[in-house]
């Protein structure tokens, strides 16, 4: 599942949210983990999927 990066317009914190592409397109109401604000903005159109490192 990809991570999308957001920035809080209230406190300026940047954070990542793991969500499906469908959830991301629907604009689910994510909250800032620092101040709890709903005033968040998607930073860019890129996303990344964590890669597991093999030993």
N, C-alpha and C. Protein backbone atom coordinates (compact mmCIF):
# COMPACT_ATOMS: atom_id res chain seq x y z
N UNK A 1 0.86 -1.17 0.00
CA UNK A 1 0.00 0.00 0.00
C UNK A 1 0.91 1.24 0.00
N UNK A 2 0.61 2.22 -0.85
CA UNK A 2 1.48 3.40 -0.95
C UNK A 2 1.27 4.40 0.19
N UNK A 3 2.30 5.23 0.37
CA UNK A 3 2.26 6.34 1.32
C UNK A 3 2.10 7.62 0.53
N UNK A 4 1.28 8.55 1.04
CA UNK A 4 1.12 9.85 0.43
C UNK A 4 1.53 10.90 1.45
N UNK A 5 2.19 11.96 0.99
CA UNK A 5 2.71 12.98 1.89
C UNK A 5 1.75 14.17 1.94
N UNK A 6 1.53 14.67 3.14
CA UNK A 6 0.63 15.80 3.38
C UNK A 6 1.31 16.85 4.23
N UNK A 7 0.80 18.07 4.15
CA UNK A 7 1.27 19.16 5.00
C UNK A 7 0.06 19.80 5.67
N UNK A 8 0.17 20.02 6.97
CA UNK A 8 -0.91 20.67 7.73
C UNK A 8 -0.83 22.17 7.49
N UNK A 9 -1.96 22.76 7.09
CA UNK A 9 -2.02 24.20 6.85
C UNK A 9 -2.13 24.99 8.15
N UNK A 10 -2.42 24.30 9.25
CA UNK A 10 -2.56 24.95 10.55
C UNK A 10 -1.22 25.09 11.27
N UNK A 11 -0.48 23.97 11.40
CA UNK A 11 0.77 24.00 12.17
C UNK A 11 2.03 23.81 11.31
N UNK A 12 1.86 23.45 10.02
CA UNK A 12 3.01 23.31 9.14
C UNK A 12 3.69 21.95 9.17
N UNK A 13 3.19 21.03 9.98
CA UNK A 13 3.79 19.70 10.06
C UNK A 13 3.60 18.96 8.74
N UNK A 14 4.60 18.17 8.36
CA UNK A 14 4.46 17.29 7.20
C UNK A 14 4.44 15.86 7.71
N UNK A 15 3.61 15.03 7.08
CA UNK A 15 3.47 13.65 7.53
C UNK A 15 3.02 12.78 6.37
N UNK A 16 3.19 11.48 6.53
CA UNK A 16 2.80 10.52 5.52
C UNK A 16 1.61 9.71 5.99
N UNK A 17 0.75 9.36 5.04
CA UNK A 17 -0.43 8.55 5.33
C UNK A 17 -0.40 7.35 4.39
N UNK A 18 -0.54 6.16 4.95
CA UNK A 18 -0.62 4.96 4.13
C UNK A 18 -2.08 4.74 3.78
N UNK A 19 -2.39 4.79 2.49
CA UNK A 19 -3.76 4.61 2.04
C UNK A 19 -3.76 4.05 0.63
N UNK A 20 -4.83 3.40 0.26
CA UNK A 20 -4.94 2.87 -1.09
C UNK A 20 -5.16 4.04 -2.06
N UNK A 21 -4.95 3.79 -3.34
CA UNK A 21 -5.18 4.84 -4.33
C UNK A 21 -6.65 5.26 -4.33
N UNK A 22 -7.54 4.32 -4.11
CA UNK A 22 -8.97 4.63 -4.05
C UNK A 22 -9.27 5.56 -2.88
N UNK A 23 -8.73 5.26 -1.71
CA UNK A 23 -8.94 6.12 -0.54
C UNK A 23 -8.38 7.51 -0.79
N UNK A 24 -7.23 7.57 -1.44
CA UNK A 24 -6.58 8.85 -1.71
C UNK A 24 -7.42 9.69 -2.66
N UNK A 25 -7.99 9.07 -3.69
CA UNK A 25 -8.80 9.80 -4.66
C UNK A 25 -10.11 10.31 -4.07
N UNK A 26 -10.62 9.64 -3.05
CA UNK A 26 -11.88 10.03 -2.42
C UNK A 26 -11.68 11.20 -1.45
N UNK A 27 -10.44 11.54 -1.15
CA UNK A 27 -10.12 12.60 -0.18
C UNK A 27 -10.67 12.27 1.20
N UNK A 28 -10.27 11.14 1.72
CA UNK A 28 -10.67 10.75 3.07
C UNK A 28 -10.22 11.84 4.04
N UNK A 29 -10.99 12.06 5.07
CA UNK A 29 -10.68 13.13 6.01
C UNK A 29 -9.58 12.71 6.97
N UNK A 30 -8.35 12.93 6.56
CA UNK A 30 -7.20 12.68 7.42
C UNK A 30 -7.02 13.88 8.34
N UNK A 31 -6.47 13.61 9.51
CA UNK A 31 -6.19 14.68 10.48
C UNK A 31 -4.69 14.79 10.70
N UNK A 32 -4.24 15.98 11.00
CA UNK A 32 -2.84 16.20 11.34
C UNK A 32 -2.53 15.46 12.64
N UNK A 33 -1.46 14.67 12.67
CA UNK A 33 -1.13 13.93 13.89
C UNK A 33 -0.62 14.83 15.02
N UNK A 34 -0.23 16.05 14.71
CA UNK A 34 0.29 16.97 15.73
C UNK A 34 -0.84 17.81 16.36
N UNK A 35 -1.61 18.51 15.51
CA UNK A 35 -2.62 19.43 16.06
C UNK A 35 -4.06 18.96 15.85
N UNK A 36 -4.25 17.89 15.07
CA UNK A 36 -5.59 17.36 14.85
C UNK A 36 -6.42 18.09 13.81
N UNK A 37 -5.82 19.07 13.13
CA UNK A 37 -6.54 19.85 12.14
C UNK A 37 -6.91 19.02 10.92
N UNK A 38 -8.04 19.35 10.32
CA UNK A 38 -8.45 18.74 9.05
C UNK A 38 -7.95 19.55 7.85
N UNK A 39 -7.30 20.68 8.14
CA UNK A 39 -6.78 21.54 7.07
C UNK A 39 -5.43 21.02 6.60
N UNK A 40 -5.47 19.92 5.84
CA UNK A 40 -4.23 19.35 5.32
C UNK A 40 -4.26 19.39 3.81
N UNK A 41 -3.06 19.42 3.21
CA UNK A 41 -2.95 19.50 1.77
C UNK A 41 -1.95 18.48 1.28
N UNK A 42 -2.32 17.80 0.21
CA UNK A 42 -1.43 16.81 -0.40
C UNK A 42 -0.25 17.57 -0.99
N UNK A 43 0.99 17.15 -0.68
CA UNK A 43 2.17 17.89 -1.11
C UNK A 43 2.46 17.73 -2.60
N UNK A 44 2.45 16.52 -3.13
CA UNK A 44 2.70 16.33 -4.55
C UNK A 44 2.01 15.06 -5.03
N UNK A 45 2.14 14.79 -6.29
CA UNK A 45 1.45 13.64 -6.87
C UNK A 45 2.26 12.36 -6.82
N UNK A 46 3.38 12.37 -6.14
CA UNK A 46 4.18 11.15 -6.05
C UNK A 46 3.79 10.37 -4.80
N UNK A 47 4.00 9.11 -4.86
CA UNK A 47 3.77 8.24 -3.70
C UNK A 47 4.88 7.22 -3.70
N UNK A 48 5.04 6.53 -2.61
CA UNK A 48 6.04 5.47 -2.60
C UNK A 48 5.53 4.28 -1.83
N UNK A 49 6.02 3.15 -2.22
CA UNK A 49 5.64 1.90 -1.57
C UNK A 49 6.88 1.38 -0.87
N UNK A 50 6.80 1.08 0.43
CA UNK A 50 7.98 0.59 1.14
C UNK A 50 8.46 -0.72 0.52
N UNK A 51 9.78 -0.86 0.47
CA UNK A 51 10.40 -2.05 -0.09
C UNK A 51 11.07 -2.82 1.04
N UNK A 52 10.81 -4.08 1.12
CA UNK A 52 11.42 -4.91 2.15
C UNK A 52 12.84 -5.30 1.71
N UNK A 53 13.80 -5.10 2.60
CA UNK A 53 15.17 -5.48 2.29
C UNK A 53 15.39 -6.92 2.67
N UNK A 54 15.97 -7.66 1.76
CA UNK A 54 16.26 -9.07 2.02
C UNK A 54 17.63 -9.20 2.65
N UNK A 55 17.79 -10.15 3.56
CA UNK A 55 19.11 -10.30 4.21
C UNK A 55 20.18 -10.80 3.26
